[in-house]
Amino acid sequence: MQPGTPEPKGKLDAMTGYSFTTPVWDGSAWVRPAVTEVRATTARIANGPEDQPRSAPAQWEKINWRAQEEQVRRLRQRIFKASQEQDWPKVRNLQKLMLRSRANTLVSVRQVTQRNSGRSTAGIDGEVALTSQARMAVAVRVHQSIGSWQPVPVRRVYIPKASNRAKLRPLGIPVIMDRCHQQRVRSALEPEWEARFEPRSYGFRPGRGCHDAISAIYNVCKGPRPARTWALDADLAAAFDKIDHSFLLGQLGAFPARDMIAGWLKAGVFEAGKGFAPTGEGTPQGGLCSAEHNDPCGAPSSLSDHVPS
């Protein structure tokens, strides 16, 4: 193309080798544009917003929670299906994937710090996360400490029993970091054992409740000639206080977070005025995994032999 011929419209937009010193057509003549030195005030960040540093956390409210929860749900379904098929190597690999999952960390922190009724109750360190900035900071700390976190003793508090307000029920309140890690571990452990529990177990299980038990009892007792005409109401005295740690850990087998669960069982209890007390047996009520440790009605038959009478 001759210098006197005008440039085709839109050509500069399609050029890949254009530089600031290339002559351009201004409508009447070719001119070389003046180049002004531009100094960047901040370094350009790859794969991230240009107005935020690389270390800045994402905004808590802008996280796509539906997508995060969907990732956790699908992974739980895969663990459940592999457990049903008794493909234990696949179960362990999927559980490791769940424990490393960023989506699992975010959903767990949200459940502990935003949805649970005890979100404003602190452990022995006095820490709570009630703002978006604090929740995101906790999520970063939890994900960074997946393989290095050491469980902390729980804080002993007492609440009135629902059946008898004159009696007090002891609770153990874990610190917020322990609760988040417990929720992470629960997401990996729960679907495996949901596939192994008996179908007519309704206590401490996801998607089940007392009304399901009432419906099952009604279906058995209805009609002129019911198969059963009585119901047994029983209560295990101090069940949480007498759980055998060794047997419980043995039931977990090669679960990837077995050592962390052992740390929670042995972390001990701190009570105001009495100080620290080790836990040789049992598990404190109040943690997210407490109910997971005590489901004698839905557990395999071998576990029933170790439930206190």
Protein backbone atom coordinates (compact mmCIF):
# COMPACT_ATOMS: atom_id res chain seq x y z
CA MET A 1 0.00 0.00 0.00
CA GLN A 2 1.33 3.43 -1.03
CA PRO A 3 1.89 6.08 1.70
CA GLY A 4 -0.64 8.40 0.04
CA THR A 5 -3.47 5.85 0.16
CA PRO A 6 -5.80 6.12 3.16
CA GLU A 7 -5.90 3.19 5.56
CA PRO A 8 -8.93 0.93 5.43
CA LYS A 9 -11.36 1.64 8.19
CA GLY A 10 -10.91 -0.65 11.24
CA LYS A 11 -7.51 -1.96 10.16
CA LEU A 12 -5.72 -0.78 13.28
CA ASP A 13 -8.17 -2.71 15.45
CA ALA A 14 -7.18 -5.95 13.72
CA MET A 15 -3.42 -5.42 13.63
CA THR A 16 -1.31 -7.50 15.99
CA GLY A 17 2.10 -5.87 15.41
CA TYR A 18 1.08 -2.26 15.91
CA SER A 19 3.33 -0.08 18.08
CA PHE A 20 3.12 3.50 19.35
CA THR A 21 5.81 4.62 16.87
CA THR A 22 3.99 3.36 13.76
CA PRO A 23 2.88 6.24 11.43
CA VAL A 24 -0.89 6.68 11.25
CA TRP A 25 -3.14 8.46 8.71
CA ASP A 26 -4.87 11.49 10.18
CA GLY A 27 -7.04 12.10 7.08
CA SER A 28 -4.64 14.25 5.12
CA ALA A 29 -1.11 13.01 5.82
CA TRP A 30 0.92 10.30 7.58
CA VAL A 31 2.03 11.38 11.05
CA ARG A 32 4.07 9.72 13.77
CA PRO A 33 2.19 9.96 17.12
CA ALA A 34 3.92 11.55 20.06
CA VAL A 35 4.77 8.97 22.74
CA THR A 36 4.33 9.97 26.35
CA GLU A 37 6.04 7.90 29.05
CA VAL A 38 3.51 6.17 31.25
CA ARG A 39 4.54 4.91 34.65
CA ALA A 40 2.31 2.32 36.25
CA THR A 41 1.43 3.07 39.82
CA THR A 42 0.73 -0.59 40.60
CA ALA A 43 1.93 -3.82 39.09
CA ARG A 44 -0.48 -5.58 36.81
CA ILE A 45 -2.03 -8.64 38.46
CA ALA A 46 -2.57 -11.72 36.34
CA ASN A 47 -5.80 -13.69 36.84
CA GLY A 48 -7.28 -11.16 39.25
CA PRO A 49 -8.76 -7.67 39.59
CA GLU A 50 -6.34 -4.87 38.76
CA ASP A 51 -7.58 -2.69 41.63
CA GLN A 52 -6.84 -5.27 44.35
CA PRO A 53 -3.61 -6.94 45.45
CA ARG A 54 -3.18 -10.66 44.91
CA SER A 55 -3.44 -11.32 48.65
CA ALA A 56 -6.78 -9.53 49.06
CA PRO A 57 -9.63 -11.94 49.93
CA ALA A 58 -12.71 -12.14 47.75
CA GLN A 59 -15.82 -10.41 49.01
CA TRP A 60 -17.87 -12.77 51.17
CA GLU A 61 -21.24 -11.59 49.83
CA LYS A 62 -20.18 -12.04 46.19
CA ILE A 63 -19.33 -15.73 46.54
CA ASN A 64 -21.61 -17.92 44.44
CA TRP A 65 -22.92 -20.04 47.32
CA ARG A 66 -25.22 -22.10 45.16
CA ALA A 67 -22.27 -23.26 43.07
CA GLN A 68 -20.14 -23.98 46.17
CA GLU A 69 -22.90 -25.99 47.84
CA GLU A 70 -23.55 -27.87 44.61
CA GLN A 71 -19.90 -28.96 44.44
CA VAL A 72 -20.06 -30.25 48.01
CA ARG A 73 -23.39 -32.00 47.39
CA ARG A 74 -22.13 -33.79 44.28
CA LEU A 75 -18.98 -34.94 46.04
CA ARG A 76 -21.03 -36.23 48.99
CA GLN A 77 -23.19 -38.20 46.56
CA ARG A 78 -20.10 -39.77 45.01
CA ILE A 79 -18.82 -40.81 48.46
CA PHE A 80 -22.25 -42.25 49.33
CA LYS A 81 -22.44 -44.25 46.10
CA ALA A 82 -18.89 -45.60 46.46
CA SER A 83 -19.66 -46.63 50.05
CA GLN A 84 -22.80 -48.45 48.91
CA GLU A 85 -20.70 -50.32 46.36
CA GLN A 86 -18.09 -51.02 49.07
CA ASP A 87 -15.37 -49.57 46.87
CA TRP A 88 -13.22 -48.47 49.82
CA PRO A 89 -10.18 -47.19 47.87
CA LYS A 90 -12.52 -44.92 45.90
CA VAL A 91 -14.25 -43.83 49.10
CA ARG A 92 -10.93 -42.80 50.68
CA ASN A 93 -9.78 -40.95 47.55
CA LEU A 94 -13.06 -39.04 47.36
CA GLN A 95 -12.86 -38.21 51.07
CA LYS A 96 -9.36 -36.83 50.58
CA LEU A 97 -10.72 -34.73 47.73
CA MET A 98 -13.51 -33.46 49.97
CA LEU A 99 -11.10 -32.57 52.77
CA ARG A 100 -8.94 -30.56 50.33
CA SER A 101 -11.91 -28.90 48.64
CA ARG A 102 -12.04 -25.10 48.79
CA ALA A 103 -15.81 -25.27 48.32
CA ASN A 104 -16.09 -27.52 51.37
CA THR A 105 -14.07 -25.03 53.40
CA LEU A 106 -16.25 -22.08 52.37
CA VAL A 107 -19.52 -23.93 52.96
CA SER A 108 -18.28 -25.20 56.34
CA VAL A 109 -17.24 -21.74 57.52
CA ARG A 110 -20.56 -20.31 56.38
CA GLN A 111 -22.47 -23.02 58.24
CA VAL A 112 -20.54 -22.44 61.47
CA THR A 113 -20.30 -18.65 61.47
CA GLN A 114 -23.50 -17.61 59.71
CA ARG A 115 -26.18 -20.30 59.92
CA ASN A 116 -25.70 -22.20 63.19
CA SER A 117 -27.60 -20.92 66.21
CA GLY A 118 -24.40 -21.02 68.26
CA ARG A 119 -22.45 -18.74 65.94
CA SER A 120 -22.16 -16.06 68.62
CA THR A 121 -20.88 -18.49 71.28
CA ALA A 122 -17.10 -18.50 71.63
CA GLY A 123 -14.70 -21.18 72.82
CA ILE A 124 -11.81 -20.70 75.22
CA ASP A 125 -10.16 -18.18 72.89
CA GLY A 126 -13.21 -15.86 72.88
CA GLU A 127 -13.22 -15.59 69.06
CA VAL A 128 -16.39 -15.24 67.00
CA ALA A 129 -16.89 -14.25 63.36
CA LEU A 130 -20.03 -12.17 62.91
CA THR A 131 -18.95 -9.93 60.01
CA SER A 132 -18.16 -10.71 56.39
CA GLN A 133 -14.53 -9.69 56.77
CA ALA A 134 -14.09 -11.90 59.85
CA ARG A 135 -15.75 -14.86 58.13
CA MET A 136 -13.51 -14.59 55.10
CA ALA A 137 -10.45 -14.31 57.34
CA VAL A 138 -11.52 -17.49 59.16
CA ALA A 139 -12.04 -19.28 55.84
CA VAL A 140 -8.51 -18.38 54.75
CA ARG A 141 -7.05 -19.60 58.06
CA VAL A 142 -9.04 -22.84 57.97
CA HIS A 143 -7.98 -23.70 54.43
CA GLN A 144 -4.34 -22.90 55.17
CA SER A 145 -4.35 -25.14 58.27
CA ILE A 146 -5.98 -28.21 56.72
CA GLY A 147 -2.94 -30.39 57.35
CA SER A 148 -1.43 -28.63 60.35
CA TRP A 149 -4.29 -27.75 62.71
CA GLN A 150 -3.97 -28.98 66.31
CA PRO A 151 -7.27 -29.31 68.23
CA VAL A 152 -7.82 -27.00 71.22
CA PRO A 153 -9.60 -27.92 74.50
CA VAL A 154 -13.30 -27.14 74.66
CA ARG A 155 -14.93 -24.68 77.07
CA ARG A 156 -17.24 -26.29 79.63
CA VAL A 157 -20.63 -24.62 80.13
CA TYR A 158 -23.88 -25.86 81.68
CA ILE A 159 -27.42 -25.45 80.40
CA PRO A 160 -30.75 -26.64 81.91
CA LYS A 161 -32.06 -29.96 80.63
CA ALA A 162 -35.21 -29.77 78.54
CA SER A 163 -36.91 -32.58 80.50
CA ASN A 164 -36.00 -31.22 83.92
CA ARG A 165 -35.02 -27.57 84.25
CA ALA A 166 -33.62 -28.21 87.71
CA LYS A 167 -30.87 -30.40 86.27
CA LEU A 168 -27.98 -29.10 84.20
CA ARG A 169 -26.51 -30.60 81.06
CA PRO A 170 -22.75 -30.13 80.50
CA LEU A 171 -21.69 -28.82 77.08
CA GLY A 172 -18.25 -28.49 75.54
CA ILE A 173 -17.91 -25.46 73.24
CA PRO A 174 -15.03 -25.80 70.74
CA VAL A 175 -13.20 -22.78 69.38
CA ILE A 176 -14.42 -21.46 66.05
CA MET A 177 -11.50 -22.97 64.10
CA ASP A 178 -12.22 -26.42 65.53
CA ARG A 179 -15.89 -26.09 64.65
CA CYS A 180 -15.06 -25.20 61.05
CA HIS A 181 -12.66 -28.13 60.74
CA GLN A 182 -15.24 -30.43 62.31
CA GLN A 183 -17.80 -29.37 59.73
CA ARG A 184 -15.26 -30.07 56.96
CA VAL A 185 -14.57 -33.54 58.35
CA ARG A 186 -18.26 -34.19 58.82
CA SER A 187 -18.93 -33.54 55.12
CA ALA A 188 -16.40 -36.24 54.25
CA LEU A 189 -17.36 -38.80 56.91
CA GLU A 190 -21.15 -38.51 57.00
CA PRO A 191 -22.00 -39.81 53.49
CA GLU A 192 -19.85 -42.92 54.00
CA TRP A 193 -21.73 -43.93 57.13
CA GLU A 194 -25.13 -42.88 55.80
CA ALA A 195 -24.73 -45.71 53.29
CA ARG A 196 -23.88 -48.16 56.09
CA PHE A 197 -26.42 -47.28 58.79
CA GLU A 198 -29.67 -49.17 59.19
CA PRO A 199 -32.64 -47.70 57.30
CA ARG A 200 -34.83 -47.32 60.41
CA SER A 201 -32.50 -44.98 62.24
CA TYR A 202 -33.66 -41.40 62.52
CA GLY A 203 -31.53 -39.72 65.20
CA PHE A 204 -28.77 -37.26 64.27
CA ARG A 205 -29.05 -38.06 60.55
CA PRO A 206 -29.40 -35.58 57.66
CA GLY A 207 -32.85 -35.30 56.18
CA ARG A 208 -34.46 -37.33 59.00
CA GLY A 209 -36.27 -36.42 62.19
CA CYS A 210 -38.75 -37.48 64.83
CA HIS A 211 -41.70 -37.26 62.44
CA ASP A 212 -40.12 -39.94 60.24
CA ALA A 213 -39.88 -42.18 63.31
CA ILE A 214 -43.53 -41.44 64.19
CA SER A 215 -44.58 -42.35 60.64
CA ALA A 216 -42.63 -45.63 60.79
CA ILE A 217 -44.24 -46.54 64.12
CA TYR A 218 -47.70 -45.74 62.77
CA ASN A 219 -47.20 -47.93 59.69
CA VAL A 220 -46.17 -50.85 61.91
CA CYS A 221 -48.95 -50.44 64.50
CA LYS A 222 -51.92 -49.52 62.29
CA GLY A 223 -54.68 -51.90 61.25
CA PRO A 224 -56.80 -54.46 63.13
CA ARG A 225 -53.91 -56.93 63.40
CA PRO A 226 -50.69 -54.96 63.71
CA ALA A 227 -47.32 -56.68 63.64
CA ARG A 228 -46.31 -54.88 66.84
CA THR A 229 -48.51 -53.66 69.65
CA TRP A 230 -45.92 -52.05 71.93
CA ALA A 231 -43.10 -49.53 71.84
CA LEU A 232 -39.94 -49.39 73.97
CA ASP A 233 -38.80 -46.00 75.30
CA ALA A 234 -35.21 -46.17 76.56
CA ASP A 235 -32.50 -43.68 77.43
CA LEU A 236 -28.76 -44.38 77.53
CA ALA A 237 -27.39 -42.95 80.75
CA ALA A 238 -24.26 -40.83 80.19
CA ALA A 239 -23.89 -42.19 76.66
CA PHE A 240 -21.70 -39.32 75.47
CA ASP A 241 -19.50 -39.63 78.56
CA LYS A 242 -18.73 -43.34 78.10
CA ILE A 243 -17.88 -43.68 74.42
CA ASP A 244 -14.78 -45.83 73.94
CA HIS A 245 -12.18 -43.81 72.00
CA SER A 246 -10.19 -46.82 70.83
CA PHE A 247 -13.21 -48.63 69.45
CA LEU A 248 -14.55 -45.51 67.79
CA LEU A 249 -11.25 -44.80 66.04
CA GLY A 250 -11.04 -48.45 65.04
CA GLN A 251 -14.42 -48.16 63.31
CA LEU A 252 -13.12 -45.23 61.26
CA GLY A 253 -10.49 -47.46 59.67
CA ALA A 254 -8.30 -45.59 57.18
CA PHE A 255 -10.41 -42.43 57.16
CA PRO A 256 -8.06 -39.60 56.03
CA ALA A 257 -8.90 -37.30 58.96
CA ARG A 258 -8.73 -40.03 61.60
CA ASP A 259 -5.81 -38.38 63.42
CA MET A 260 -7.69 -35.09 63.65
CA ILE A 261 -10.73 -36.83 65.16
CA ALA A 262 -8.42 -38.53 67.67
CA GLY A 263 -7.08 -35.09 68.56
CA TRP A 264 -10.60 -33.79 69.22
CA LEU A 265 -11.40 -36.77 71.44
CA LYS A 266 -8.22 -36.25 73.49
CA ALA A 267 -8.21 -32.42 73.48
CA GLY A 268 -9.60 -32.13 77.00
CA VAL A 269 -11.99 -29.72 78.71
CA PHE A 270 -11.36 -26.34 80.32
CA GLU A 271 -13.81 -25.19 82.98
CA ALA A 272 -13.73 -21.83 84.73
CA GLY A 273 -12.64 -22.24 88.33
CA LYS A 274 -11.45 -25.81 87.83
CA GLY A 275 -8.91 -25.50 85.03
CA PHE A 276 -7.99 -28.14 82.46
CA ALA A 277 -9.19 -31.75 82.63
CA PRO A 278 -8.11 -34.47 80.16
CA THR A 279 -10.69 -36.62 78.37
CA GLY A 280 -9.82 -40.31 78.59
CA GLU A 281 -13.23 -41.45 77.38
CA GLY A 282 -16.41 -39.97 76.00
CA THR A 283 -16.93 -36.93 73.82
CA PRO A 284 -18.16 -33.46 74.89
CA GLN A 285 -21.68 -32.50 73.85
CA GLY A 286 -21.75 -29.30 71.86
CA GLY A 287 -19.35 -29.97 68.99
CA LEU A 288 -20.54 -30.55 65.45
CA CYS A 289 -19.25 -34.13 65.42
CA SER A 290 -20.67 -35.14 68.80
CA ALA A 291 -23.83 -36.60 67.32
CA GLU A 292 -21.83 -38.40 64.63
CA HIS A 293 -20.02 -40.34 67.37
CA ASN A 294 -23.20 -41.58 69.02
CA ASP A 295 -25.77 -43.24 66.77
CA PRO A 296 -26.19 -46.70 68.29
CA CYS A 297 -29.55 -47.39 66.65
CA GLY A 298 -28.26 -46.78 63.16
CA ALA A 299 -24.76 -48.13 63.53
CA PRO A 300 -23.67 -51.59 62.40
CA SER A 301 -24.47 -54.38 64.85
CA SER A 302 -20.86 -54.66 66.05
CA LEU A 303 -21.03 -51.13 67.44
CA SER A 304 -24.04 -51.90 69.63
CA ASP A 305 -21.87 -54.13 71.83
CA HIS A 306 -19.83 -51.10 72.89
CA VAL A 307 -22.71 -48.77 73.71
CA PRO A 308 -23.06 -48.30 77.50
CA SER A 309 -26.18 -49.79 79.07
